[in-house]
Amino acid sequence: MLTEELFGWIASILTTLIFIPQIYKAFKTRLTNDISMLMMVLAILGNIAWLIHASLTDNMPLIVCASLIIIMSFVLITFKVKNERT
């Protein structure tokens, strides 16, 4: 594995992990008022752009990272919409 690919995987793992505490907290407390919907939408749009770029350049760490962040962003949006309705 090349050094740049190794650092790509490290960066992708760490970047993806930043969403885990927020998802856990939202699931545990059901409190989502402080989660910005605009931030979540921008996270999705930005990571869609990264996913397209990564696909065009065959950057597997970035493909995995962007895909997981898109999924986790949708999970947080779902929590937010569901919890603010009740």
PDB file of N, CA and C in Angstrom:
ATOM      1  N   MET A   1       0.864  -1.180   0.000  1.00  0.00           N
ATOM      2  CA  MET A   1       0.000   0.000   0.000  1.00  0.00           C
ATOM      3  C   MET A   1       0.906   1.238   0.000  1.00  0.00           C
ATOM      4  N   LEU A   2       0.592   2.135  -0.886  1.00  0.00           N
ATOM      5  CA  LEU A   2       1.355   3.373  -0.978  1.00  0.00           C
ATOM      6  C   LEU A   2       1.076   4.279   0.214  1.00  0.00           C
ATOM      7  N   THR A   3       2.031   5.122   0.534  1.00  0.00           N
ATOM      8  CA  THR A   3       1.890   6.040   1.663  1.00  0.00           C
ATOM      9  C   THR A   3       0.679   6.945   1.498  1.00  0.00           C
ATOM     10  N   GLU A   4       0.477   7.472   0.280  1.00  0.00           N
ATOM     11  CA  GLU A   4      -0.673   8.363   0.076  1.00  0.00           C
ATOM     12  C   GLU A   4      -1.999   7.633   0.230  1.00  0.00           C
ATOM     13  N   GLU A   5      -2.042   6.348  -0.163  1.00  0.00           N
ATOM     14  CA  GLU A   5      -3.272   5.572   0.021  1.00  0.00           C
ATOM     15  C   GLU A   5      -3.505   5.288   1.502  1.00  0.00           C
ATOM     16  N   LEU A   6      -2.445   4.988   2.229  1.00  0.00           N
ATOM     17  CA  LEU A   6      -2.563   4.754   3.666  1.00  0.00           C
ATOM     18  C   LEU A   6      -3.125   5.992   4.368  1.00  0.00           C
ATOM     19  N   PHE A   7      -2.573   7.146   4.056  1.00  0.00           N
ATOM     20  CA  PHE A   7      -3.082   8.376   4.667  1.00  0.00           C
ATOM     21  C   PHE A   7      -4.498   8.695   4.175  1.00  0.00           C
ATOM     22  N   GLY A   8      -4.826   8.306   2.966  1.00  0.00           N
ATOM     23  CA  GLY A   8      -6.199   8.458   2.473  1.00  0.00           C
ATOM     24  C   GLY A   8      -7.176   7.651   3.309  1.00  0.00           C
ATOM     25  N   TRP A   9      -6.799   6.408   3.631  1.00  0.00           N
ATOM     26  CA  TRP A   9      -7.659   5.564   4.471  1.00  0.00           C
ATOM     27  C   TRP A   9      -7.756   6.100   5.893  1.00  0.00           C
ATOM     28  N   ILE A  10      -6.616   6.550   6.446  1.00  0.00           N
ATOM     29  CA  ILE A  10      -6.639   7.123   7.797  1.00  0.00           C
ATOM     30  C   ILE A  10      -7.545   8.345   7.844  1.00  0.00           C
ATOM     31  N   ALA A  11      -7.400   9.240   6.872  1.00  0.00           N
ATOM     32  CA  ALA A  11      -8.234  10.445   6.818  1.00  0.00           C
ATOM     33  C   ALA A  11      -9.708  10.084   6.638  1.00  0.00           C
ATOM     34  N   SER A  12      -9.991   9.117   5.797  1.00  0.00           N
ATOM     35  CA  SER A  12     -11.375   8.714   5.563  1.00  0.00           C
ATOM     36  C   SER A  12     -12.004   8.124   6.816  1.00  0.00           C
ATOM     37  N   ILE A  13     -11.262   7.295   7.519  1.00  0.00           N
ATOM     38  CA  ILE A  13     -11.788   6.688   8.747  1.00  0.00           C
ATOM     39  C   ILE A  13     -12.058   7.761   9.803  1.00  0.00           C
ATOM     40  N   LEU A  14     -11.090   8.644  10.008  1.00  0.00           N
ATOM     41  CA  LEU A  14     -11.264   9.686  11.028  1.00  0.00           C
ATOM     42  C   LEU A  14     -12.395  10.650  10.659  1.00  0.00           C
ATOM     43  N   THR A  15     -12.482  11.017   9.393  1.00  0.00           N
ATOM     44  CA  THR A  15     -13.541  11.934   8.950  1.00  0.00           C
ATOM     45  C   THR A  15     -14.916  11.295   9.107  1.00  0.00           C
ATOM     46  N   THR A  16     -15.006  10.031   8.809  1.00  0.00           N
ATOM     47  CA  THR A  16     -16.283   9.328   8.940  1.00  0.00           C
ATOM     48  C   THR A  16     -16.672   9.172  10.409  1.00  0.00           C
ATOM     49  N   LEU A  17     -15.703   8.930  11.263  1.00  0.00           N
ATOM     50  CA  LEU A  17     -15.985   8.720  12.688  1.00  0.00           C
ATOM     51  C   LEU A  17     -16.559   9.953  13.381  1.00  0.00           C
ATOM     52  N   ILE A  18     -16.366  11.145  12.820  1.00  0.00           N
ATOM     53  CA  ILE A  18     -16.866  12.340  13.507  1.00  0.00           C
ATOM     54  C   ILE A  18     -18.387  12.361  13.598  1.00  0.00           C
ATOM     55  N   PHE A  19     -19.071  11.607  12.752  1.00  0.00           N
ATOM     56  CA  PHE A  19     -20.528  11.578  12.798  1.00  0.00           C
ATOM     57  C   PHE A  19     -21.068  10.609  13.847  1.00  0.00           C
ATOM     58  N   ILE A  20     -20.279   9.617  14.235  1.00  0.00           N
ATOM     59  CA  ILE A  20     -20.747   8.573  15.148  1.00  0.00           C
ATOM     60  C   ILE A  20     -21.217   9.132  16.497  1.00  0.00           C
ATOM     61  N   PRO A  21     -20.462  10.018  17.165  1.00  0.00           N
ATOM     62  CA  PRO A  21     -20.942  10.534  18.454  1.00  0.00           C
ATOM     63  C   PRO A  21     -22.280  11.284  18.338  1.00  0.00           C
ATOM     64  N   GLN A  22     -22.466  12.023  17.255  1.00  0.00           N
ATOM     65  CA  GLN A  22     -23.720  12.766  17.088  1.00  0.00           C
ATOM     66  C   GLN A  22     -24.893  11.825  16.846  1.00  0.00           C
ATOM     67  N   ILE A  23     -24.679  10.812  16.031  1.00  0.00           N
ATOM     68  CA  ILE A  23     -25.734   9.830  15.788  1.00  0.00           C
ATOM     69  C   ILE A  23     -26.077   9.100  17.086  1.00  0.00           C
ATOM     70  N   TYR A  24     -25.069   8.701  17.837  1.00  0.00           N
ATOM     71  CA  TYR A  24     -25.292   8.011  19.113  1.00  0.00           C
ATOM     72  C   TYR A  24     -26.078   8.904  20.079  1.00  0.00           C
ATOM     73  N   LYS A  25     -25.660  10.157  20.193  1.00  0.00           N
ATOM     74  CA  LYS A  25     -26.334  11.084  21.109  1.00  0.00           C
ATOM     75  C   LYS A  25     -27.785  11.319  20.679  1.00  0.00           C
ATOM     76  N   ALA A  26     -28.005  11.508  19.390  1.00  0.00           N
ATOM     77  CA  ALA A  26     -29.366  11.725  18.894  1.00  0.00           C
ATOM     78  C   ALA A  26     -30.238  10.503  19.145  1.00  0.00           C
ATOM     79  N   PHE A  27     -29.684   9.322  18.952  1.00  0.00           N
ATOM     80  CA  PHE A  27     -30.440   8.092  19.183  1.00  0.00           C
ATOM     81  C   PHE A  27     -30.738   7.900  20.663  1.00  0.00           C
ATOM     82  N   LYS A  28     -29.748   8.176  21.498  1.00  0.00           N
ATOM     83  CA  LYS A  28     -29.873   7.954  22.942  1.00  0.00           C
ATOM     84  C   LYS A  28     -30.806   8.971  23.605  1.00  0.00           C
ATOM     85  N   THR A  29     -30.630  10.261  23.292  1.00  0.00           N
ATOM     86  CA  THR A  29     -31.382  11.309  23.987  1.00  0.00           C
ATOM     87  C   THR A  29     -32.650  11.736  23.255  1.00  0.00           C
ATOM     88  N   ARG A  30     -32.727  11.430  21.979  1.00  0.00           N
ATOM     89  CA  ARG A  30     -33.848  11.886  21.129  1.00  0.00           C
ATOM     90  C   ARG A  30     -33.897  13.412  21.013  1.00  0.00           C
ATOM     91  N   LEU A  31     -32.808  14.093  21.372  1.00  0.00           N
ATOM     92  CA  LEU A  31     -32.729  15.551  21.264  1.00  0.00           C
ATOM     93  C   LEU A  31     -31.967  15.912  19.994  1.00  0.00           C
ATOM     94  N   THR A  32     -32.660  16.575  19.083  1.00  0.00           N
ATOM     95  CA  THR A  32     -32.042  16.907  17.799  1.00  0.00           C
ATOM     96  C   THR A  32     -32.234  18.374  17.419  1.00  0.00           C
ATOM     97  N   ASN A  33     -32.772  19.169  18.333  1.00  0.00           N
ATOM     98  CA  ASN A  33     -33.033  20.580  18.028  1.00  0.00           C
ATOM     99  C   ASN A  33     -31.773  21.338  17.645  1.00  0.00           C
ATOM    100  N   ASP A  34     -30.641  20.971  18.228  1.00  0.00           N
ATOM    101  CA  ASP A  34     -29.395  21.693  17.972  1.00  0.00           C
ATOM    102  C   ASP A  34     -28.675  21.239  16.707  1.00  0.00           C
ATOM    103  N   ILE A  35     -29.191  20.229  16.044  1.00  0.00           N
ATOM    104  CA  ILE A  35     -28.579  19.790  14.789  1.00  0.00           C
ATOM    105  C   ILE A  35     -29.108  20.692  13.676  1.00  0.00           C
ATOM    106  N   SER A  36     -28.212  21.330  12.984  1.00  0.00           N
ATOM    107  CA  SER A  36     -28.587  22.243  11.912  1.00  0.00           C
ATOM    108  C   SER A  36     -28.963  21.472  10.647  1.00  0.00           C
ATOM    109  N   MET A  37     -30.192  21.675  10.190  1.00  0.00           N
ATOM    110  CA  MET A  37     -30.642  21.023   8.961  1.00  0.00           C
ATOM    111  C   MET A  37     -29.822  21.524   7.770  1.00  0.00           C
ATOM    112  N   LEU A  38     -29.495  22.806   7.765  1.00  0.00           N
ATOM    113  CA  LEU A  38     -28.690  23.356   6.674  1.00  0.00           C
ATOM    114  C   LEU A  38     -27.320  22.678   6.641  1.00  0.00           C
ATOM    115  N   MET A  39     -26.712  22.471   7.800  1.00  0.00           N
ATOM    116  CA  MET A  39     -25.417  21.788   7.836  1.00  0.00           C
ATOM    117  C   MET A  39     -25.530  20.382   7.270  1.00  0.00           C
ATOM    118  N   MET A  40     -26.604  19.683   7.619  1.00  0.00           N
ATOM    119  CA  MET A  40     -26.777  18.315   7.139  1.00  0.00           C
ATOM    120  C   MET A  40     -26.971  18.284   5.619  1.00  0.00           C
ATOM    121  N   VAL A  41     -27.766  19.210   5.100  1.00  0.00           N
ATOM    122  CA  VAL A  41     -27.987  19.270   3.649  1.00  0.00           C
ATOM    123  C   VAL A  41     -26.683  19.606   2.931  1.00  0.00           C
ATOM    124  N   LEU A  42     -25.922  20.564   3.475  1.00  0.00           N
ATOM    125  CA  LEU A  42     -24.642  20.915   2.870  1.00  0.00           C
ATOM    126  C   LEU A  42     -23.646  19.759   2.957  1.00  0.00           C
ATOM    127  N   ALA A  43     -23.685  19.010   4.038  1.00  0.00           N
ATOM    128  CA  ALA A  43     -22.818  17.835   4.171  1.00  0.00           C
ATOM    129  C   ALA A  43     -23.141  16.814   3.091  1.00  0.00           C
ATOM    130  N   ILE A  44     -24.425  16.611   2.839  1.00  0.00           N
ATOM    131  CA  ILE A  44     -24.835  15.666   1.799  1.00  0.00           C
ATOM    132  C   ILE A  44     -24.394  16.162   0.426  1.00  0.00           C
ATOM    133  N   LEU A  45     -24.683  17.419   0.117  1.00  0.00           N
ATOM    134  CA  LEU A  45     -24.316  17.960  -1.195  1.00  0.00           C
ATOM    135  C   LEU A  45     -22.805  17.950  -1.408  1.00  0.00           C
ATOM    136  N   GLY A  46     -22.057  18.369  -0.390  1.00  0.00           N
ATOM    137  CA  GLY A  46     -20.600  18.367  -0.495  1.00  0.00           C
ATOM    138  C   GLY A  46     -20.041  16.972  -0.687  1.00  0.00           C
ATOM    139  N   ASN A  47     -20.594  16.014   0.026  1.00  0.00           N
ATOM    140  CA  ASN A  47     -20.091  14.648  -0.095  1.00  0.00           C
ATOM    141  C   ASN A  47     -20.552  13.964  -1.370  1.00  0.00           C
ATOM    142  N   ILE A  48     -21.669  14.388  -1.938  1.00  0.00           N
ATOM    143  CA  ILE A  48     -22.036  13.908  -3.274  1.00  0.00           C
ATOM    144  C   ILE A  48     -20.997  14.384  -4.287  1.00  0.00           C
ATOM    145  N   ALA A  49     -20.582  15.649  -4.161  1.00  0.00           N
ATOM    146  CA  ALA A  49     -19.540  16.170  -5.048  1.00  0.00           C
ATOM    147  C   ALA A  49     -18.229  15.403  -4.856  1.00  0.00           C
ATOM    148  N   TRP A  50     -17.851  15.132  -3.587  1.00  0.00           N
ATOM    149  CA  TRP A  50     -16.643  14.350  -3.327  1.00  0.00           C
ATOM    150  C   TRP A  50     -16.775  12.940  -3.895  1.00  0.00           C
ATOM    151  N   LEU A  51     -17.953  12.361  -3.785  1.00  0.00           N
ATOM    152  CA  LEU A  51     -18.176  11.008  -4.294  1.00  0.00           C
ATOM    153  C   LEU A  51     -18.007  10.965  -5.811  1.00  0.00           C
ATOM    154  N   ILE A  52     -18.534  11.964  -6.495  1.00  0.00           N
ATOM    155  CA  ILE A  52     -18.370  12.034  -7.945  1.00  0.00           C
ATOM    156  C   ILE A  52     -16.892  12.192  -8.299  1.00  0.00           C
ATOM    157  N   HIS A  53     -16.220  13.118  -7.628  1.00  0.00           N
ATOM    158  CA  HIS A  53     -14.785  13.332  -7.865  1.00  0.00           C
ATOM    159  C   HIS A  53     -13.999  12.049  -7.603  1.00  0.00           C
ATOM    160  N   ALA A  54     -14.281  11.400  -6.476  1.00  0.00           N
ATOM    161  CA  ALA A  54     -13.558  10.187  -6.113  1.00  0.00           C
ATOM    162  C   ALA A  54     -13.817   9.067  -7.111  1.00  0.00           C
ATOM    163  N   SER A  55     -15.037   8.976  -7.606  1.00  0.00           N
ATOM    164  CA  SER A  55     -15.365   7.951  -8.600  1.00  0.00           C
ATOM    165  C   SER A  55     -14.620   8.197  -9.906  1.00  0.00           C
ATOM    166  N   LEU A  56     -14.537   9.456 -10.294  1.00  0.00           N
ATOM    167  CA  LEU A  56     -13.839   9.800 -11.544  1.00  0.00           C
ATOM    168  C   LEU A  56     -12.330   9.601 -11.442  1.00  0.00           C
ATOM    169  N   THR A  57     -11.779   9.682 -10.227  1.00  0.00           N
ATOM    170  CA  THR A  57     -10.334   9.534 -10.041  1.00  0.00           C
ATOM    171  C   THR A  57      -9.963   8.197  -9.397  1.00  0.00           C
ATOM    172  N   ASP A  58     -10.928   7.305  -9.244  1.00  0.00           N
ATOM    173  CA  ASP A  58     -10.707   5.982  -8.639  1.00  0.00           C
ATOM    174  C   ASP A  58     -10.049   6.066  -7.267  1.00  0.00           C
ATOM    175  N   ASN A  59     -10.535   6.985  -6.438  1.00  0.00           N
ATOM    176  CA  ASN A  59      -9.996   7.171  -5.090  1.00  0.00           C
ATOM    177  C   ASN A  59     -10.887   6.409  -4.114  1.00  0.00           C
ATOM    178  N   MET A  60     -10.542   5.148  -3.857  1.00  0.00           N
ATOM    179  CA  MET A  60     -11.389   4.276  -3.038  1.00  0.00           C
ATOM    180  C   MET A  60     -11.587   4.780  -1.606  1.00  0.00           C
ATOM    181  N   PRO A  61     -10.541   5.285  -0.908  1.00  0.00           N
ATOM    182  CA  PRO A  61     -10.795   5.790   0.443  1.00  0.00           C
ATOM    183  C   PRO A  61     -11.839   6.912   0.461  1.00  0.00           C
ATOM    184  N   LEU A  62     -11.767   7.794  -0.513  1.00  0.00           N
ATOM    185  CA  LEU A  62     -12.712   8.908  -0.574  1.00  0.00           C
ATOM    186  C   LEU A  62     -14.105   8.431  -0.980  1.00  0.00           C
ATOM    187  N   ILE A  63     -14.190   7.435  -1.830  1.00  0.00           N
ATOM    188  CA  ILE A  63     -15.490   6.867  -2.204  1.00  0.00           C
ATOM    189  C   ILE A  63     -16.180   6.302  -0.969  1.00  0.00           C
ATOM    190  N   VAL A  64     -15.441   5.544  -0.178  1.00  0.00           N
ATOM    191  CA  VAL A  64     -15.999   4.942   1.035  1.00  0.00           C
ATOM    192  C   VAL A  64     -16.412   6.027   2.032  1.00  0.00           C
ATOM    193  N   CYS A  65     -15.517   6.985   2.266  1.00  0.00           N
ATOM    194  CA  CYS A  65     -15.782   8.062   3.226  1.00  0.00           C
ATOM    195  C   CYS A  65     -17.009   8.874   2.824  1.00  0.00           C
ATOM    196  N   ALA A  66     -17.048   9.344   1.591  1.00  0.00           N
ATOM    197  CA  ALA A  66     -18.166  10.178   1.139  1.00  0.00           C
ATOM    198  C   ALA A  66     -19.481   9.402   1.199  1.00  0.00           C
ATOM    199  N   SER A  67     -19.436   8.146   0.807  1.00  0.00           N
ATOM    200  CA  SER A  67     -20.658   7.329   0.843  1.00  0.00           C
ATOM    201  C   SER A  67     -21.179   7.163   2.262  1.00  0.00           C
ATOM    202  N   LEU A  68     -20.279   6.861   3.191  1.00  0.00           N
ATOM    203  CA  LEU A  68     -20.703   6.676   4.579  1.00  0.00           C
ATOM    204  C   LEU A  68     -21.218   7.976   5.199  1.00  0.00           C
ATOM    205  N   ILE A  69     -20.584   9.087   4.881  1.00  0.00           N
ATOM    206  CA  ILE A  69     -21.046  10.368   5.427  1.00  0.00           C
ATOM    207  C   ILE A  69     -22.412  10.731   4.868  1.00  0.00           C
ATOM    208  N   ILE A  70     -22.651  10.444   3.602  1.00  0.00           N
ATOM    209  CA  ILE A  70     -23.981  10.689   3.016  1.00  0.00           C
ATOM    210  C   ILE A  70     -25.028   9.853   3.759  1.00  0.00           C
ATOM    211  N   ILE A  71     -24.734   8.599   3.979  1.00  0.00           N
ATOM    212  CA  ILE A  71     -25.669   7.716   4.696  1.00  0.00           C
ATOM    213  C   ILE A  71     -25.910   8.221   6.113  1.00  0.00           C
ATOM    214  N   MET A  72     -24.831   8.554   6.833  1.00  0.00           N
ATOM    215  CA  MET A  72     -24.983   9.022   8.210  1.00  0.00           C
ATOM    216  C   MET A  72     -25.709  10.365   8.276  1.00  0.00           C
ATOM    217  N   SER A  73     -25.521  11.213   7.291  1.00  0.00           N
ATOM    218  CA  SER A  73     -26.244  12.489   7.245  1.00  0.00           C
ATOM    219  C   SER A  73     -27.741  12.243   7.088  1.00  0.00           C
ATOM    220  N   PHE A  74     -28.098  11.288   6.228  1.00  0.00           N
ATOM    221  CA  PHE A  74     -29.515  10.950   6.087  1.00  0.00           C
ATOM    222  C   PHE A  74     -30.084  10.354   7.368  1.00  0.00           C
ATOM    223  N   VAL A  75     -29.280   9.575   8.075  1.00  0.00           N
ATOM    224  CA  VAL A  75     -29.725   9.020   9.363  1.00  0.00           C
ATOM    225  C   VAL A  75     -30.015  10.158  10.345  1.00  0.00           C
ATOM    226  N   LEU A  76     -29.106  11.129  10.436  1.00  0.00           N
ATOM    227  CA  LEU A  76     -29.331  12.268  11.343  1.00  0.00           C
ATOM    228  C   LEU A  76     -30.538  13.095  10.925  1.00  0.00           C
ATOM    229  N   ILE A  77     -30.722  13.305   9.642  1.00  0.00           N
ATOM    230  CA  ILE A  77     -31.896  14.048   9.167  1.00  0.00           C
ATOM    231  C   ILE A  77     -33.172  13.294   9.535  1.00  0.00           C
ATOM    232  N   THR A  78     -33.152  11.976   9.376  1.00  0.00           N
ATOM    233  CA  THR A  78     -34.315  11.162   9.735  1.00  0.00           C
ATOM    234  C   THR A  78     -34.625  11.280  11.217  1.00  0.00           C
ATOM    235  N   PHE A  79     -33.592  11.167  12.069  1.00  0.00           N
ATOM    236  CA  PHE A  79     -33.778  11.367  13.515  1.00  0.00           C
ATOM    237  C   PHE A  79     -34.372  12.734  13.794  1.00  0.00           C
ATOM    238  N   LYS A  80     -33.805  13.747  13.159  1.00  0.00           N
ATOM    239  CA  LYS A  80     -34.243  15.123  13.409  1.00  0.00           C
ATOM    240  C   LYS A  80     -35.710  15.316  13.029  1.00  0.00           C
ATOM    241  N   VAL A  81     -36.082  14.888  11.855  1.00  0.00           N
ATOM    242  CA  VAL A  81     -37.472  15.050  11.397  1.00  0.00           C
ATOM    243  C   VAL A  81     -38.416  14.260  12.287  1.00  0.00           C
ATOM    244  N   LYS A  82     -38.061  13.046  12.596  1.00  0.00           N
ATOM    245  CA  LYS A  82     -38.919  12.172  13.423  1.00  0.00           C
ATOM    246  C   LYS A  82     -39.063  12.752  14.833  1.00  0.00           C
ATOM    247  N   ASN A  83     -37.978  13.192  15.441  1.00  0.00           N
ATOM    248  CA  ASN A  83     -38.021  13.648  16.827  1.00  0.00           C
ATOM    249  C   ASN A  83     -38.645  15.012  16.974  1.00  0.00           C
ATOM    250  N   GLU A  84     -38.610  15.834  15.949  1.00  0.00           N
ATOM    251  CA  GLU A  84     -39.206  17.167  16.063  1.00  0.00           C
ATOM    252  C   GLU A  84     -40.710  17.156  15.760  1.00  0.00           C
ATOM    253  N   ARG A  85     -41.198  16.050  15.219  1.00  0.00           N
ATOM    254  CA  ARG A  85     -42.634  15.915  14.976  1.00  0.00           C
ATOM    255  C   ARG A  85     -43.391  15.541  16.225  1.00  0.00           C
ATOM    256  N   THR A  86     -42.713  14.867  17.143  1.00  0.00           N
ATOM    257  CA  THR A  86     -43.406  14.376  18.350  1.00  0.00           C
ATOM    258  C   THR A  86     -43.439  15.412  19.438  1.00  0.00           C
TER     259      THR A  86
END
